[in-house]
Amino acid sequence: MLNNFDAVLNTAGEKEPILLENLLFSLNMSLPLFIVMGLGCILTHKGFFTENYIAHTTNLVYYVLLPGKMFLDIATSDLSTAFDIRYVAVATGGVVLQFALAWAAGWLLCPDRSKQSAFSHAAYRGNFVYLGTALLRNIYGVSHVPSATLILALVIPLYNIQGVVLMTVKERQGRFRLSTVLLNVLKNPMILAVLAAIPFAYFKIQLPFVVSESLGYFQAATNTMALLVVGGSIRLSALKNDLPLLMRLCGVKLLLMPAIWAAMGIAAGLPAEQLVTLIIVGAMPAAVNVYIITDKMGGDGALACSAVVVTHLMSLFTMTAIIFAMRTARLI
């Protein structure tokens, strides 16, 4: 009996260092991203970054750096080895289900119809391009992760299509025009970059050295600039209004969505890297594009801005907890 008791103590003693190690790993993966974002917020507050500078830098990242990085990531990847029909099916189904749940959550949790488009938009569209890819690079220690490349090629275009559909229906009293959706989608620089890169990846066309080297500089600069811009765009004063509504939104976006992605990935029997990628897709805070597109298409820009701020702040805790859970489950 004493031997059994000693065995239990030894097992408990072994678990404590493992849990501590997993916690430190989780913090090491998530904190650097938020430190850079926090630096962007501080530099803006101190006057180093002006509103005009943030606006111009956002355009630089959105129209130049990010499309260049996405083109290089996809064009130099081997889609034949990265492509997995189960993974594609789960990712596509997850995006559709996530969108439907976000739309329903807007109706159920946001009584004010004028705010529903902003709520639903923020509830499904995560900051995977800026934050998720950087987090996966931290976790796996590589320049780009194959499972993330497929997300960039598949999920991000669907996000843009869904965003236009949502805002068109919600803010135009149900009048939906396919031509408007297609035009907005085709004008998106990230989608253009993906479409341009796919033939290079599929036919295994090697990029000229000058092109790949030049785009490599874009790749190195994109995540740092993107995180600084996201941090610089944070306005703490935006948190004063709609706080209960924003807390409900955080519950949907940061907890429900990753749980759904995890359940779908586990049910499909996906390998660890793909499962981790999909969970991170669901766990991302609301993308900055939520504010830009919501505001431009007549939605509640103030709520969308607040959603971006609050979900990013709360995701420091939720993402760390999710990484800890995945580490404990030996997925990473």
C-alpha atoms as a PDB file:
ATOM      1  CA  MET A   1       0.000   0.000   0.000  1.00  0.00           C
ATOM      2  CA  LEU A   2       2.858   2.372   0.872  1.00  0.00           C
ATOM      3  CA  ASN A   3       4.488   1.493  -2.425  1.00  0.00           C
ATOM      4  CA  ASN A   4       1.309   2.460  -4.262  1.00  0.00           C
ATOM      5  CA  PHE A   5       1.171   5.766  -2.339  1.00  0.00           C
ATOM      6  CA  ASP A   6       4.803   6.495  -3.238  1.00  0.00           C
ATOM      7  CA  ALA A   7       4.033   5.749  -6.870  1.00  0.00           C
ATOM      8  CA  VAL A   8       1.172   8.252  -6.845  1.00  0.00           C
ATOM      9  CA  LEU A   9       3.446  10.908  -5.288  1.00  0.00           C
ATOM     10  CA  ASN A  10       6.149  10.232  -7.841  1.00  0.00           C
ATOM     11  CA  THR A  11       3.636  10.489 -10.681  1.00  0.00           C
ATOM     12  CA  ALA A  12       2.329  13.778  -9.312  1.00  0.00           C
ATOM     13  CA  GLY A  13       5.872  15.044  -8.917  1.00  0.00           C
ATOM     14  CA  GLU A  14       6.622  14.162 -12.523  1.00  0.00           C
ATOM     15  CA  LYS A  15       3.509  15.941 -13.782  1.00  0.00           C
ATOM     16  CA  GLU A  16       4.303  19.257 -12.103  1.00  0.00           C
ATOM     17  CA  PRO A  17       7.510  19.939 -14.089  1.00  0.00           C
ATOM     18  CA  ILE A  18       5.733  18.855 -17.289  1.00  0.00           C
ATOM     19  CA  LEU A  19       2.828  21.224 -16.677  1.00  0.00           C
ATOM     20  CA  LEU A  20       5.228  24.058 -15.852  1.00  0.00           C
ATOM     21  CA  GLU A  21       7.242  23.314 -18.982  1.00  0.00           C
ATOM     22  CA  ASN A  22       4.059  23.343 -21.081  1.00  0.00           C
ATOM     23  CA  LEU A  23       2.973  26.646 -19.538  1.00  0.00           C
ATOM     24  CA  LEU A  24       6.351  28.244 -20.246  1.00  0.00           C
ATOM     25  CA  PHE A  25       6.226  26.910 -23.802  1.00  0.00           C
ATOM     26  CA  SER A  26       2.760  28.413 -24.279  1.00  0.00           C
ATOM     27  CA  LEU A  27       3.851  31.802 -22.980  1.00  0.00           C
ATOM     28  CA  ASN A  28       6.996  31.733 -25.116  1.00  0.00           C
ATOM     29  CA  MET A  29       4.894  31.096 -28.217  1.00  0.00           C
ATOM     30  CA  SER A  30       2.248  33.786 -27.649  1.00  0.00           C
ATOM     31  CA  LEU A  31       3.916  36.549 -25.637  1.00  0.00           C
ATOM     32  CA  PRO A  32       6.454  37.701 -28.300  1.00  0.00           C
ATOM     33  CA  LEU A  33       3.592  38.443 -30.688  1.00  0.00           C
ATOM     34  CA  PHE A  34       1.760  40.525 -28.117  1.00  0.00           C
ATOM     35  CA  ILE A  35       4.943  42.291 -27.045  1.00  0.00           C
ATOM     36  CA  VAL A  36       5.435  43.532 -30.614  1.00  0.00           C
ATOM     37  CA  MET A  37       1.754  44.503 -30.816  1.00  0.00           C
ATOM     38  CA  GLY A  38       2.073  46.253 -27.460  1.00  0.00           C
ATOM     39  CA  LEU A  39       5.115  48.124 -28.756  1.00  0.00           C
ATOM     40  CA  GLY A  40       3.037  49.342 -31.696  1.00  0.00           C
ATOM     41  CA  CYS A  41       0.349  50.574 -29.288  1.00  0.00           C
ATOM     42  CA  ILE A  42       2.914  52.346 -27.084  1.00  0.00           C
ATOM     43  CA  LEU A  43       4.709  53.964 -30.028  1.00  0.00           C
ATOM     44  CA  THR A  44       1.406  55.307 -31.304  1.00  0.00           C
ATOM     45  CA  HIS A  45       0.451  56.586 -27.857  1.00  0.00           C
ATOM     46  CA  LYS A  46       3.834  58.316 -27.520  1.00  0.00           C
ATOM     47  CA  GLY A  47       3.506  59.969 -30.911  1.00  0.00           C
ATOM     48  CA  PHE A  48       6.144  57.970 -32.803  1.00  0.00           C
ATOM     49  CA  PHE A  49       3.403  56.571 -35.033  1.00  0.00           C
ATOM     50  CA  THR A  50       0.847  59.103 -36.239  1.00  0.00           C
ATOM     51  CA  GLU A  51      -2.626  58.250 -37.523  1.00  0.00           C
ATOM     52  CA  ASN A  52      -1.426  59.108 -41.018  1.00  0.00           C
ATOM     53  CA  TYR A  53       1.612  56.827 -40.658  1.00  0.00           C
ATOM     54  CA  ILE A  54      -0.538  53.918 -39.422  1.00  0.00           C
ATOM     55  CA  ALA A  55      -2.943  54.389 -42.338  1.00  0.00           C
ATOM     56  CA  HIS A  56      -0.134  54.445 -44.908  1.00  0.00           C
ATOM     57  CA  THR A  57       1.687  51.506 -43.280  1.00  0.00           C
ATOM     58  CA  THR A  58      -1.543  49.499 -43.191  1.00  0.00           C
ATOM     59  CA  ASN A  59      -1.890  50.071 -46.927  1.00  0.00           C
ATOM     60  CA  LEU A  60       1.764  49.055 -47.411  1.00  0.00           C
ATOM     61  CA  VAL A  61       1.222  45.782 -45.536  1.00  0.00           C
ATOM     62  CA  TYR A  62      -2.174  45.060 -47.082  1.00  0.00           C
ATOM     63  CA  TYR A  63      -1.419  45.924 -50.708  1.00  0.00           C
ATOM     64  CA  VAL A  64       2.306  45.154 -51.030  1.00  0.00           C
ATOM     65  CA  LEU A  65       4.095  43.236 -48.256  1.00  0.00           C
ATOM     66  CA  LEU A  66       1.431  40.690 -47.394  1.00  0.00           C
ATOM     67  CA  PRO A  67       0.511  39.765 -50.986  1.00  0.00           C
ATOM     68  CA  GLY A  68       4.238  39.451 -51.765  1.00  0.00           C
ATOM     69  CA  LYS A  69       4.750  37.139 -48.787  1.00  0.00           C
ATOM     70  CA  MET A  70       1.692  35.044 -49.653  1.00  0.00           C
ATOM     71  CA  PHE A  71       2.809  34.736 -53.267  1.00  0.00           C
ATOM     72  CA  LEU A  72       6.269  33.530 -52.218  1.00  0.00           C
ATOM     73  CA  ASP A  73       4.921  31.108 -49.583  1.00  0.00           C
ATOM     74  CA  ILE A  74       2.496  29.464 -52.000  1.00  0.00           C
ATOM     75  CA  ALA A  75       4.621  29.628 -55.173  1.00  0.00           C
ATOM     76  CA  THR A  76       7.560  27.899 -53.459  1.00  0.00           C
ATOM     77  CA  SER A  77       5.487  25.238 -51.680  1.00  0.00           C
ATOM     78  CA  ASP A  78       4.826  21.733 -52.922  1.00  0.00           C
ATOM     79  CA  LEU A  79       1.049  21.611 -53.039  1.00  0.00           C
ATOM     80  CA  SER A  80       1.085  17.992 -54.161  1.00  0.00           C
ATOM     81  CA  THR A  81       2.606  16.875 -50.845  1.00  0.00           C
ATOM     82  CA  ALA A  82       0.768  19.460 -48.728  1.00  0.00           C
ATOM     83  CA  PHE A  83      -2.603  18.665 -50.304  1.00  0.00           C
ATOM     84  CA  ASP A  84      -4.735  16.283 -48.265  1.00  0.00           C
ATOM     85  CA  ILE A  85      -8.340  15.751 -49.308  1.00  0.00           C
ATOM     86  CA  ARG A  86      -9.490  15.213 -45.710  1.00  0.00           C
ATOM     87  CA  TYR A  87      -7.750  18.380 -44.597  1.00  0.00           C
ATOM     88  CA  VAL A  88      -9.231  20.397 -47.469  1.00  0.00           C
ATOM     89  CA  ALA A  89     -12.704  18.984 -46.739  1.00  0.00           C
ATOM     90  CA  VAL A  90     -12.491  19.801 -43.008  1.00  0.00           C
ATOM     91  CA  ALA A  91     -11.080  23.284 -43.684  1.00  0.00           C
ATOM     92  CA  THR A  92     -13.797  24.080 -46.217  1.00  0.00           C
ATOM     93  CA  GLY A  93     -16.564  22.632 -44.059  1.00  0.00           C
ATOM     94  CA  GLY A  94     -15.195  24.432 -41.016  1.00  0.00           C
ATOM     95  CA  VAL A  95     -15.228  27.803 -42.770  1.00  0.00           C
ATOM     96  CA  VAL A  96     -18.829  27.303 -43.894  1.00  0.00           C
ATOM     97  CA  LEU A  97     -19.960  26.089 -40.447  1.00  0.00           C
ATOM     98  CA  GLN A  98     -18.088  28.899 -38.698  1.00  0.00           C
ATOM     99  CA  PHE A  99     -19.774  31.466 -40.941  1.00  0.00           C
ATOM    100  CA  ALA A 100     -23.237  29.993 -40.323  1.00  0.00           C
ATOM    101  CA  LEU A 101     -22.698  29.953 -36.550  1.00  0.00           C
ATOM    102  CA  ALA A 102     -21.408  33.539 -36.581  1.00  0.00           C
ATOM    103  CA  TRP A 103     -24.466  34.656 -38.543  1.00  0.00           C
ATOM    104  CA  ALA A 104     -26.775  32.858 -36.084  1.00  0.00           C
ATOM    105  CA  ALA A 105     -24.861  34.274 -33.112  1.00  0.00           C
ATOM    106  CA  GLY A 106     -25.452  37.772 -34.475  1.00  0.00           C
ATOM    107  CA  TRP A 107     -29.203  37.179 -34.455  1.00  0.00           C
ATOM    108  CA  LEU A 108     -29.267  35.506 -31.038  1.00  0.00           C
ATOM    109  CA  LEU A 109     -26.724  37.520 -29.048  1.00  0.00           C
ATOM    110  CA  CYS A 110     -26.974  40.969 -30.628  1.00  0.00           C
ATOM    111  CA  PRO A 111     -30.539  42.347 -30.376  1.00  0.00           C
ATOM    112  CA  ASP A 112     -29.622  45.632 -32.085  1.00  0.00           C
ATOM    113  CA  ARG A 113     -29.952  44.893 -35.811  1.00  0.00           C
ATOM    114  CA  SER A 114     -27.677  47.794 -36.746  1.00  0.00           C
ATOM    115  CA  LYS A 115     -24.814  46.061 -34.917  1.00  0.00           C
ATOM    116  CA  GLN A 116     -25.446  42.507 -36.146  1.00  0.00           C
ATOM    117  CA  SER A 117     -23.254  42.661 -39.254  1.00  0.00           C
ATOM    118  CA  ALA A 118     -20.270  43.890 -37.231  1.00  0.00           C
ATOM    119  CA  PHE A 119     -20.864  41.253 -34.533  1.00  0.00           C
ATOM    120  CA  SER A 120     -21.181  38.367 -37.009  1.00  0.00           C
ATOM    121  CA  HIS A 121     -18.234  39.558 -39.089  1.00  0.00           C
ATOM    122  CA  ALA A 122     -15.959  39.706 -36.032  1.00  0.00           C
ATOM    123  CA  ALA A 123     -17.260  36.346 -34.785  1.00  0.00           C
ATOM    124  CA  TYR A 124     -15.921  34.339 -37.736  1.00  0.00           C
ATOM    125  CA  ARG A 125     -13.141  36.314 -39.450  1.00  0.00           C
ATOM    126  CA  GLY A 126      -9.888  35.772 -37.558  1.00  0.00           C
ATOM    127  CA  ASN A 127      -6.479  37.398 -37.844  1.00  0.00           C
ATOM    128  CA  PHE A 128      -4.766  34.263 -39.187  1.00  0.00           C
ATOM    129  CA  VAL A 129      -2.725  36.003 -41.875  1.00  0.00           C
ATOM    130  CA  TYR A 130      -1.014  38.422 -39.502  1.00  0.00           C
ATOM    131  CA  LEU A 131      -1.085  36.567 -36.191  1.00  0.00           C
ATOM    132  CA  GLY A 132      -1.766  32.893 -36.912  1.00  0.00           C
ATOM    133  CA  THR A 133       1.072  32.381 -39.389  1.00  0.00           C
ATOM    134  CA  ALA A 134       3.510  34.050 -36.999  1.00  0.00           C
ATOM    135  CA  LEU A 135       2.306  31.830 -34.159  1.00  0.00           C
ATOM    136  CA  LEU A 136       2.706  28.666 -36.243  1.00  0.00           C
ATOM    137  CA  ARG A 137       6.220  29.744 -37.198  1.00  0.00           C
ATOM    138  CA  ASN A 138       7.042  30.119 -33.513  1.00  0.00           C
ATOM    139  CA  ILE A 139       5.612  26.693 -32.709  1.00  0.00           C
ATOM    140  CA  TYR A 140       7.310  24.757 -35.508  1.00  0.00           C
ATOM    141  CA  GLY A 141      10.424  26.899 -35.980  1.00  0.00           C
ATOM    142  CA  VAL A 142      10.196  27.035 -39.783  1.00  0.00           C
ATOM    143  CA  SER A 143       9.685  29.843 -42.284  1.00  0.00           C
ATOM    144  CA  HIS A 144       6.310  28.498 -43.405  1.00  0.00           C
ATOM    145  CA  VAL A 145       4.145  25.540 -42.422  1.00  0.00           C
ATOM    146  CA  PRO A 146       2.584  23.446 -45.254  1.00  0.00           C
ATOM    147  CA  SER A 147      -0.787  23.205 -43.523  1.00  0.00           C
ATOM    148  CA  ALA A 148      -0.814  26.989 -43.106  1.00  0.00           C
ATOM    149  CA  THR A 149      -0.066  27.482 -46.811  1.00  0.00           C
ATOM    150  CA  LEU A 150      -3.245  25.631 -47.718  1.00  0.00           C
ATOM    151  CA  ILE A 151      -5.194  27.814 -45.281  1.00  0.00           C
ATOM    152  CA  LEU A 152      -3.843  30.930 -47.029  1.00  0.00           C
ATOM    153  CA  ALA A 153      -4.795  29.512 -50.427  1.00  0.00           C
ATOM    154  CA  LEU A 154      -8.238  28.228 -49.409  1.00  0.00           C
ATOM    155  CA  VAL A 155      -9.663  29.802 -46.259  1.00  0.00           C
ATOM    156  CA  ILE A 156      -8.601  33.428 -46.735  1.00  0.00           C
ATOM    157  CA  PRO A 157     -10.375  33.770 -50.125  1.00  0.00           C
ATOM    158  CA  LEU A 158     -13.494  32.212 -48.559  1.00  0.00           C
ATOM    159  CA  TYR A 159     -13.296  34.717 -45.700  1.00  0.00           C
ATOM    160  CA  ASN A 160     -13.361  37.555 -48.199  1.00  0.00           C
ATOM    161  CA  ILE A 161     -16.296  36.101 -50.118  1.00  0.00           C
ATOM    162  CA  GLN A 162     -18.233  35.533 -46.891  1.00  0.00           C
ATOM    163  CA  GLY A 163     -17.492  39.060 -45.671  1.00  0.00           C
ATOM    164  CA  VAL A 164     -18.886  40.617 -48.811  1.00  0.00           C
ATOM    165  CA  VAL A 165     -21.958  38.337 -48.719  1.00  0.00           C
ATOM    166  CA  LEU A 166     -22.626  39.147 -45.053  1.00  0.00           C
ATOM    167  CA  MET A 167     -22.291  42.906 -45.433  1.00  0.00           C
ATOM    168  CA  THR A 168     -24.246  42.982 -48.698  1.00  0.00           C
ATOM    169  CA  VAL A 169     -27.208  41.106 -47.221  1.00  0.00           C
ATOM    170  CA  LYS A 170     -27.148  42.712 -43.775  1.00  0.00           C
ATOM    171  CA  GLU A 171     -26.621  46.318 -44.832  1.00  0.00           C
ATOM    172  CA  ARG A 172     -28.618  46.371 -48.088  1.00  0.00           C
ATOM    173  CA  GLN A 173     -31.923  44.956 -46.840  1.00  0.00           C
ATOM    174  CA  GLY A 174     -31.407  41.558 -48.401  1.00  0.00           C
ATOM    175  CA  ARG A 175     -30.507  42.730 -51.934  1.00  0.00           C
ATOM    176  CA  PHE A 176     -27.720  40.416 -53.006  1.00  0.00           C
ATOM    177  CA  ARG A 177     -25.801  40.847 -56.249  1.00  0.00           C
ATOM    178  CA  LEU A 178     -23.358  38.184 -57.364  1.00  0.00           C
ATOM    179  CA  SER A 179     -21.539  40.697 -59.565  1.00  0.00           C
ATOM    180  CA  THR A 180     -20.833  42.901 -56.525  1.00  0.00           C
ATOM    181  CA  VAL A 181     -19.462  39.943 -54.571  1.00  0.00           C
ATOM    182  CA  LEU A 182     -17.226  38.783 -57.415  1.00  0.00           C
ATOM    183  CA  LEU A 183     -15.927  42.290 -58.081  1.00  0.00           C
ATOM    184  CA  ASN A 184     -15.007  42.862 -54.426  1.00  0.00           C
ATOM    185  CA  VAL A 185     -13.355  39.459 -54.217  1.00  0.00           C
ATOM    186  CA  LEU A 186     -11.326  39.888 -57.386  1.00  0.00           C
ATOM    187  CA  LYS A 187     -10.088  43.304 -56.264  1.00  0.00           C
ATOM    188  CA  ASN A 188      -8.622  41.830 -53.072  1.00  0.00           C
ATOM    189  CA  PRO A 189      -4.787  41.891 -53.327  1.00  0.00           C
ATOM    190  CA  MET A 190      -4.357  38.744 -51.226  1.00  0.00           C
ATOM    191  CA  ILE A 191      -6.662  36.739 -53.473  1.00  0.00           C
ATOM    192  CA  LEU A 192      -4.841  38.036 -56.547  1.00  0.00           C
ATOM    193  CA  ALA A 193      -1.539  36.939 -54.987  1.00  0.00           C
ATOM    194  CA  VAL A 194      -2.922  33.459 -54.268  1.00  0.00           C
ATOM    195  CA  LEU A 195      -4.299  33.056 -57.786  1.00  0.00           C
ATOM    196  CA  ALA A 196      -0.996  34.205 -59.294  1.00  0.00           C
ATOM    197  CA  ALA A 197       1.042  31.811 -57.118  1.00  0.00           C
ATOM    198  CA  ILE A 198      -0.969  28.612 -57.612  1.00  0.00           C
ATOM    199  CA  PRO A 199       0.315  27.883 -61.160  1.00  0.00           C
ATOM    200  CA  PHE A 200       3.930  28.210 -59.956  1.00  0.00           C
ATOM    201  CA  ALA A 201       3.263  25.765 -57.114  1.00  0.00           C
ATOM    202  CA  TYR A 202       1.184  23.318 -59.155  1.00  0.00           C
ATOM    203  CA  PHE A 203       3.553  23.129 -62.152  1.00  0.00           C
ATOM    204  CA  LYS A 204       6.632  23.455 -59.911  1.00  0.00           C
ATOM    205  CA  ILE A 205       7.940  26.488 -61.798  1.00  0.00           C
ATOM    206  CA  GLN A 206      11.054  27.834 -60.113  1.00  0.00           C
ATOM    207  CA  LEU A 207      11.014  31.569 -59.500  1.00  0.00           C
ATOM    208  CA  PRO A 208      13.970  33.581 -60.850  1.00  0.00           C
ATOM    209  CA  PHE A 209      16.535  34.282 -58.133  1.00  0.00           C
ATOM    210  CA  VAL A 210      15.981  38.037 -58.324  1.00  0.00           C
ATOM    211  CA  VAL A 211      12.233  37.596 -57.767  1.00  0.00           C
ATOM    212  CA  SER A 212      12.516  35.085 -54.907  1.00  0.00           C
ATOM    213  CA  GLU A 213      15.263  37.096 -53.191  1.00  0.00           C
ATOM    214  CA  SER A 214      13.304  40.343 -53.463  1.00  0.00           C
ATOM    215  CA  LEU A 215      10.127  38.724 -52.147  1.00  0.00           C
ATOM    216  CA  GLY A 216      12.212  37.183 -49.362  1.00  0.00           C
ATOM    217  CA  TYR A 217      12.744  40.687 -47.993  1.00  0.00           C
ATOM    218  CA  PHE A 218       8.982  41.164 -48.059  1.00  0.00           C
ATOM    219  CA  GLN A 219       8.598  37.906 -46.155  1.00  0.00           C
ATOM    220  CA  ALA A 220      11.013  39.026 -43.455  1.00  0.00           C
ATOM    221  CA  ALA A 221       9.350  42.419 -43.001  1.00  0.00           C
ATOM    222  CA  THR A 222       5.692  41.479 -43.224  1.00  0.00           C
ATOM    223  CA  ASN A 223       4.987  39.952 -39.816  1.00  0.00           C
ATOM    224  CA  THR A 224       6.871  42.597 -37.835  1.00  0.00           C
ATOM    225  CA  MET A 225       5.199  45.456 -39.703  1.00  0.00           C
ATOM    226  CA  ALA A 226       1.796  43.754 -39.516  1.00  0.00           C
ATOM    227  CA  LEU A 227       2.004  43.231 -35.744  1.00  0.00           C
ATOM    228  CA  LEU A 228       3.148  46.825 -35.196  1.00  0.00           C
ATOM    229  CA  VAL A 229       0.248  48.083 -37.311  1.00  0.00           C
ATOM    230  CA  VAL A 230      -2.280  45.942 -35.446  1.00  0.00           C
ATOM    231  CA  GLY A 231      -0.916  47.232 -32.133  1.00  0.00           C
ATOM    232  CA  GLY A 232      -0.855  50.801 -33.398  1.00  0.00           C
ATOM    233  CA  SER A 233      -4.502  50.512 -34.462  1.00  0.00           C
ATOM    234  CA  ILE A 234      -5.662  49.526 -30.962  1.00  0.00           C
ATOM    235  CA  ARG A 235      -7.685  52.246 -29.253  1.00  0.00           C
ATOM    236  CA  LEU A 236      -8.327  51.486 -25.598  1.00  0.00           C
ATOM    237  CA  SER A 237     -10.957  54.251 -25.492  1.00  0.00           C
ATOM    238  CA  ALA A 238     -13.099  52.105 -27.808  1.00  0.00           C
ATOM    239  CA  LEU A 239     -13.755  49.685 -24.932  1.00  0.00           C
ATOM    240  CA  LYS A 240     -16.137  51.961 -23.059  1.00  0.00           C
ATOM    241  CA  ASN A 241     -19.261  51.080 -25.023  1.00  0.00           C
ATOM    242  CA  ASP A 242     -20.930  47.722 -25.658  1.00  0.00           C
ATOM    243  CA  LEU A 243     -18.710  45.824 -23.200  1.00  0.00           C
ATOM    244  CA  PRO A 244     -21.284  43.077 -22.378  1.00  0.00           C
ATOM    245  CA  LEU A 245     -21.869  42.549 -26.100  1.00  0.00           C
ATOM    246  CA  LEU A 246     -18.120  42.351 -26.703  1.00  0.00           C
ATOM    247  CA  MET A 247     -17.705  39.756 -23.958  1.00  0.00           C
ATOM    248  CA  ARG A 248     -20.348  37.588 -25.648  1.00  0.00           C
ATOM    249  CA  LEU A 249     -18.480  38.046 -28.893  1.00  0.00           C
ATOM    250  CA  CYS A 250     -15.205  36.928 -27.256  1.00  0.00           C
ATOM    251  CA  GLY A 251     -16.916  33.780 -26.002  1.00  0.00           C
ATOM    252  CA  VAL A 252     -18.046  32.910 -29.526  1.00  0.00           C
ATOM    253  CA  LYS A 253     -14.865  33.873 -31.364  1.00  0.00           C
ATOM    254  CA  LEU A 254     -12.135  32.801 -28.961  1.00  0.00           C
ATOM    255  CA  LEU A 255     -13.674  29.751 -27.267  1.00  0.00           C
ATOM    256  CA  LEU A 256     -16.536  28.284 -29.305  1.00  0.00           C
ATOM    257  CA  MET A 257     -14.862  28.527 -32.713  1.00  0.00           C
ATOM    258  CA  PRO A 258     -11.582  26.760 -31.820  1.00  0.00           C
ATOM    259  CA  ALA A 259     -13.591  24.067 -29.999  1.00  0.00           C
ATOM    260  CA  ILE A 260     -15.592  23.416 -33.176  1.00  0.00           C
ATOM    261  CA  TRP A 261     -12.463  23.261 -35.336  1.00  0.00           C
ATOM    262  CA  ALA A 262     -10.858  20.881 -32.830  1.00  0.00           C
ATOM    263  CA  ALA A 263     -13.917  18.599 -32.808  1.00  0.00           C
ATOM    264  CA  MET A 264     -14.032  18.481 -36.609  1.00  0.00           C
ATOM    265  CA  GLY A 265     -10.294  17.800 -36.914  1.00  0.00           C
ATOM    266  CA  ILE A 266     -10.329  15.059 -34.299  1.00  0.00           C
ATOM    267  CA  ALA A 267     -13.409  13.433 -35.849  1.00  0.00           C
ATOM    268  CA  ALA A 268     -11.673  13.428 -39.251  1.00  0.00           C
ATOM    269  CA  GLY A 269      -8.524  11.892 -37.755  1.00  0.00           C
ATOM    270  CA  LEU A 270      -6.230  14.659 -38.994  1.00  0.00           C
ATOM    271  CA  PRO A 271      -2.518  14.530 -38.084  1.00  0.00           C
ATOM    272  CA  ALA A 272      -1.188  16.838 -35.380  1.00  0.00           C
ATOM    273  CA  GLU A 273       0.155  19.666 -37.562  1.00  0.00           C
ATOM    274  CA  GLN A 274      -3.106  20.019 -39.491  1.00  0.00           C
ATOM    275  CA  LEU A 275      -5.192  19.807 -36.327  1.00  0.00           C
ATOM    276  CA  VAL A 276      -3.070  22.463 -34.590  1.00  0.00           C
ATOM    277  CA  THR A 277      -3.341  24.746 -37.623  1.00  0.00           C
ATOM    278  CA  LEU A 278      -7.133  24.477 -37.740  1.00  0.00           C
ATOM    279  CA  ILE A 279      -7.490  25.099 -34.004  1.00  0.00           C
ATOM    280  CA  ILE A 280      -5.348  28.220 -34.366  1.00  0.00           C
ATOM    281  CA  VAL A 281      -7.509  29.339 -37.309  1.00  0.00           C
ATOM    282  CA  GLY A 282     -10.519  29.207 -34.997  1.00  0.00           C
ATOM    283  CA  ALA A 283      -8.732  30.766 -32.028  1.00  0.00           C
ATOM    284  CA  MET A 284      -7.587  33.930 -33.800  1.00  0.00           C
ATOM    285  CA  PRO A 285      -8.938  37.317 -32.651  1.00  0.00           C
ATOM    286  CA  ALA A 286     -10.988  39.396 -35.079  1.00  0.00           C
ATOM    287  CA  ALA A 287      -8.981  40.554 -38.090  1.00  0.00           C
ATOM    288  CA  VAL A 288      -8.300  44.234 -38.708  1.00  0.00           C
ATOM    289  CA  ASN A 289     -10.123  43.752 -42.036  1.00  0.00           C
ATOM    290  CA  VAL A 290     -13.321  43.288 -40.014  1.00  0.00           C
ATOM    291  CA  TYR A 291     -13.205  46.978 -39.150  1.00  0.00           C
ATOM    292  CA  ILE A 292     -12.101  48.129 -42.611  1.00  0.00           C
ATOM    293  CA  ILE A 293     -14.736  46.181 -44.563  1.00  0.00           C
ATOM    294  CA  THR A 294     -17.554  46.704 -42.039  1.00  0.00           C
ATOM    295  CA  ASP A 295     -16.960  50.442 -41.977  1.00  0.00           C
ATOM    296  CA  LYS A 296     -16.652  50.767 -45.772  1.00  0.00           C
ATOM    297  CA  MET A 297     -19.821  48.747 -46.443  1.00  0.00           C
ATOM    298  CA  GLY A 298     -22.071  50.678 -44.049  1.00  0.00           C
ATOM    299  CA  GLY A 299     -21.902  48.552 -40.888  1.00  0.00           C
ATOM    300  CA  ASP A 300     -21.226  49.659 -37.316  1.00  0.00           C
ATOM    301  CA  GLY A 301     -17.555  50.634 -37.623  1.00  0.00           C
ATOM    302  CA  ALA A 302     -17.287  51.590 -33.940  1.00  0.00           C
ATOM    303  CA  LEU A 303     -18.386  48.130 -32.771  1.00  0.00           C
ATOM    304  CA  ALA A 304     -16.129  46.451 -35.325  1.00  0.00           C
ATOM    305  CA  CYS A 305     -13.160  48.485 -34.079  1.00  0.00           C
ATOM    306  CA  SER A 306     -13.993  47.616 -30.469  1.00  0.00           C
ATOM    307  CA  ALA A 307     -14.303  43.934 -31.433  1.00  0.00           C
ATOM    308  CA  VAL A 308     -10.814  43.964 -32.931  1.00  0.00           C
ATOM    309  CA  VAL A 309      -9.390  45.593 -29.795  1.00  0.00           C
ATOM    310  CA  VAL A 310     -11.148  43.412 -27.211  1.00  0.00           C
ATOM    311  CA  THR A 311     -10.637  40.077 -28.977  1.00  0.00           C
ATOM    312  CA  HIS A 312      -6.920  40.817 -29.401  1.00  0.00           C
ATOM    313  CA  LEU A 313      -6.562  41.695 -25.718  1.00  0.00           C
ATOM    314  CA  MET A 314      -8.508  38.627 -24.560  1.00  0.00           C
ATOM    315  CA  SER A 315      -6.718  36.320 -26.990  1.00  0.00           C
ATOM    316  CA  LEU A 316      -3.492  36.783 -25.050  1.00  0.00           C
ATOM    317  CA  PHE A 317      -5.082  34.624 -22.353  1.00  0.00           C
ATOM    318  CA  THR A 318      -7.212  32.315 -24.508  1.00  0.00           C
ATOM    319  CA  MET A 319      -4.466  31.543 -27.028  1.00  0.00           C
ATOM    320  CA  THR A 320      -1.947  30.856 -24.289  1.00  0.00           C
ATOM    321  CA  ALA A 321      -4.461  28.496 -22.657  1.00  0.00           C
ATOM    322  CA  ILE A 322      -5.197  26.754 -25.986  1.00  0.00           C
ATOM    323  CA  ILE A 323      -1.487  26.319 -26.759  1.00  0.00           C
ATOM    324  CA  PHE A 324      -1.019  24.945 -23.249  1.00  0.00           C
ATOM    325  CA  ALA A 325      -3.865  22.462 -23.799  1.00  0.00           C
ATOM    326  CA  MET A 326      -2.430  21.350 -27.152  1.00  0.00           C
ATOM    327  CA  ARG A 327       1.034  21.009 -25.645  1.00  0.00           C
ATOM    328  CA  THR A 328      -0.348  18.970 -22.751  1.00  0.00           C
ATOM    329  CA  ALA A 329      -2.218  16.764 -25.236  1.00  0.00           C
ATOM    330  CA  ARG A 330       1.145  16.292 -27.052  1.00  0.00           C
ATOM    331  CA  LEU A 331      -0.121  17.805 -30.287  1.00  0.00           C
ATOM    332  CA  ILE A 332       2.883  20.174 -30.282  1.00  0.00           C
END
